[in-house]
């Protein structure tokens, strides 16, 4: 168990973090109803009995609405503590890179209709960020395996 991360008997919550990429770019989302929050990478809960790779594909579609995505590629997994949550708790975190294929908008809004553990839908503002800018914009948790992203080249903006 991680020090300072709740009781030893607490089962870690399983969550996927998704680095959805296109050449030289990373997809980030912002919560429309909570503009004070930092941008973050898409992701979410791995449901009971679900494989993390399946959760990665499901969450990518649920949070972005994009259907033209390649299969997820595992970059790593770690047991981490979420000290910024309402109560610190261990998190079994799985990190995947998913490449966007074909045409994708530069910016759009999407509504997740049935978010895990929420009582109402969540509205996201999605946009592409230069990979080089991500370390300055994202939280520490979102950057844990950021250095393992495979960039397929530069894309002119």
Protein backbone atom coordinates (compact mmCIF):
# COMPACT_ATOMS: atom_id res chain seq x y z
CA UNK A 1 0.00 0.00 0.00
CA UNK A 2 1.18 3.52 -0.68
CA UNK A 3 2.10 5.57 2.38
CA UNK A 4 -0.51 8.17 3.28
CA UNK A 5 -3.00 6.78 0.81
CA UNK A 6 -5.94 5.54 2.87
CA UNK A 7 -6.43 2.28 4.70
CA UNK A 8 -4.47 -0.82 3.73
CA UNK A 9 -7.75 -2.70 3.18
CA UNK A 10 -8.97 -0.27 0.49
CA UNK A 11 -9.01 -1.85 -2.95
CA UNK A 12 -7.39 0.47 -5.50
CA UNK A 13 -9.75 1.99 -8.04
CA UNK A 14 -8.75 0.98 -11.58
CA UNK A 15 -8.49 3.83 -14.09
CA UNK A 16 -7.18 4.35 -17.62
CA UNK A 17 -5.36 7.49 -18.80
CA UNK A 18 -5.48 8.05 -22.56
CA UNK A 19 -2.87 9.81 -24.65
CA UNK A 20 -4.86 10.26 -27.86
CA UNK A 21 -2.42 11.53 -30.44
CA UNK A 22 -1.95 12.64 -33.99
CA UNK A 23 1.47 13.70 -35.34
CA UNK A 24 3.01 16.23 -32.95
CA UNK A 25 -0.25 16.70 -31.01
CA UNK A 26 -2.04 15.43 -27.90
CA UNK A 27 -5.79 15.57 -27.28
CA UNK A 28 -6.79 17.32 -24.05
CA UNK A 29 -10.16 18.04 -22.56
CA UNK A 30 -11.50 20.76 -20.33
CA UNK A 31 -14.64 20.49 -18.22
CA UNK A 32 -17.05 23.10 -19.61
CA UNK A 33 -18.87 23.43 -16.27
CA UNK A 34 -15.63 23.69 -14.26
CA UNK A 35 -13.32 26.07 -16.18
CA UNK A 36 -11.03 26.45 -13.16
CA UNK A 37 -9.78 22.85 -13.56
CA UNK A 38 -6.56 22.10 -15.43
CA UNK A 39 -6.81 20.55 -18.88
CA UNK A 40 -6.48 16.77 -18.71
CA UNK A 41 -6.16 13.74 -20.90
CA UNK A 42 -9.28 11.64 -21.44
CA UNK A 43 -9.70 8.58 -19.27
CA UNK A 44 -11.94 6.86 -16.80
CA UNK A 45 -12.86 3.91 -14.68
CA UNK A 46 -12.15 0.31 -15.61
CA UNK A 47 -15.46 -1.46 -14.91
CA UNK A 48 -15.60 -4.67 -12.87
CA UNK A 49 -14.55 -7.60 -15.05
CA UNK A 50 -13.37 -5.32 -17.86
CA UNK A 51 -9.87 -5.51 -19.31
CA UNK A 52 -7.99 -2.18 -19.17
CA UNK A 53 -7.45 -2.14 -22.97
CA UNK A 54 -11.20 -2.52 -23.54
CA UNK A 55 -11.84 0.26 -21.00
CA UNK A 56 -9.35 2.44 -22.89
CA UNK A 57 -11.25 2.05 -26.19
CA UNK A 58 -14.63 2.54 -24.50
CA UNK A 59 -13.55 5.63 -22.54
CA UNK A 60 -11.88 7.15 -25.62
CA UNK A 61 -15.18 7.03 -27.49
CA UNK A 62 -17.37 8.03 -24.51
CA UNK A 63 -15.30 11.10 -23.65
CA UNK A 64 -14.45 12.32 -27.17
CA UNK A 65 -17.08 10.97 -29.55
CA UNK A 66 -14.28 10.00 -31.94
CA UNK A 67 -14.79 6.70 -33.73
CA UNK A 68 -11.73 6.85 -36.01
CA UNK A 69 -9.20 5.72 -33.40
CA UNK A 70 -6.60 2.97 -33.64
CA UNK A 71 -6.28 0.18 -31.07
CA UNK A 72 -4.84 1.26 -27.70
CA UNK A 73 -1.13 0.64 -27.06
CA UNK A 74 -0.14 0.10 -23.43
CA UNK A 75 2.61 2.47 -22.28
CA UNK A 76 2.68 1.35 -18.66
CA UNK A 77 0.79 0.89 -15.41
CA UNK A 78 1.46 2.14 -11.89
CA UNK A 79 -0.10 2.08 -8.44
CA UNK A 80 -0.42 5.74 -7.47
CA UNK A 81 -2.06 7.78 -4.72
CA UNK A 82 -4.57 10.48 -5.59
CA UNK A 83 -3.92 13.11 -2.90
CA UNK A 84 -5.93 15.76 -4.75
CA UNK A 85 -9.16 13.74 -4.49
CA UNK A 86 -11.71 14.38 -1.72
CA UNK A 87 -10.09 11.51 0.19
CA UNK A 88 -6.70 10.06 -0.71
CA UNK A 89 -7.06 6.64 -2.27
CA UNK A 90 -4.84 4.23 -4.18
CA UNK A 91 -5.33 4.14 -7.91
CA UNK A 92 -4.31 1.30 -10.23
CA UNK A 93 -3.48 3.47 -13.25
CA UNK A 94 -3.12 2.15 -16.80
CA UNK A 95 -1.67 4.46 -19.48
CA UNK A 96 -2.44 3.98 -23.18
CA UNK A 97 -1.56 5.77 -26.39
CA UNK A 98 -4.30 5.78 -29.00
CA UNK A 99 -3.65 7.32 -32.40
CA UNK A 100 -6.38 9.25 -34.19
CA UNK A 101 -6.79 8.14 -37.79
CA UNK A 102 -8.09 10.27 -40.62
CA UNK A 103 -9.69 13.68 -40.28
CA UNK A 104 -10.42 15.02 -36.80
CA UNK A 105 -11.65 18.47 -35.82
CA UNK A 106 -9.20 20.94 -34.30
CA UNK A 107 -11.63 21.78 -31.48
CA UNK A 108 -15.09 20.50 -30.50
CA UNK A 109 -17.46 19.93 -27.61
CA UNK A 110 -18.75 16.54 -26.55
CA UNK A 111 -21.17 15.34 -23.88
CA UNK A 112 -20.53 12.13 -21.95
CA UNK A 113 -24.08 10.94 -21.28
CA UNK A 114 -23.49 8.21 -18.66
CA UNK A 115 -20.28 8.98 -16.73
CA UNK A 116 -19.25 6.45 -14.08
CA UNK A 117 -20.36 7.55 -10.61
CA UNK A 118 -21.93 10.83 -11.78
CA UNK A 119 -25.55 11.84 -11.49
CA UNK A 120 -25.59 13.95 -14.65
CA UNK A 121 -23.87 14.16 -18.00
CA UNK A 122 -20.49 15.87 -18.33
CA UNK A 123 -19.67 18.42 -21.04
CA UNK A 124 -16.14 18.54 -22.43
CA UNK A 125 -14.32 21.06 -24.61
CA UNK A 126 -11.71 19.08 -26.58
CA UNK A 127 -8.71 20.41 -28.48
CA UNK A 128 -5.26 19.42 -29.68
CA UNK A 129 -2.18 20.59 -27.81
CA UNK A 130 1.37 20.51 -29.16
CA UNK A 131 3.16 17.57 -27.50
CA UNK A 132 5.95 19.93 -26.44
CA UNK A 133 3.45 22.08 -24.49
CA UNK A 134 1.82 19.24 -22.55
CA UNK A 135 4.31 19.16 -19.62
CA UNK A 136 3.47 22.82 -18.88
CA UNK A 137 -0.30 22.33 -19.05
CA UNK A 138 -1.18 18.95 -17.52
CA UNK A 139 -1.27 17.56 -13.98
CA UNK A 140 1.46 15.38 -12.54
CA UNK A 141 -0.78 12.28 -12.75
CA UNK A 142 -1.45 12.88 -16.45
CA UNK A 143 2.31 13.05 -17.12
CA UNK A 144 3.49 9.88 -15.33
CA UNK A 145 4.44 8.02 -18.53
CA UNK A 146 4.21 10.94 -20.96
CA UNK A 147 7.84 10.36 -22.01
CA UNK A 148 6.83 6.98 -23.52
CA UNK A 149 4.53 8.48 -26.15
CA UNK A 150 5.63 7.54 -29.64
CA UNK A 151 5.30 10.56 -31.93
CA UNK A 152 4.88 9.72 -35.60
CA UNK A 153 6.24 13.05 -36.79
CA UNK A 154 5.39 16.70 -36.88
CA UNK A 155 2.17 18.11 -38.20
CA UNK A 156 2.08 21.65 -39.43
CA UNK A 157 -0.64 23.73 -37.78
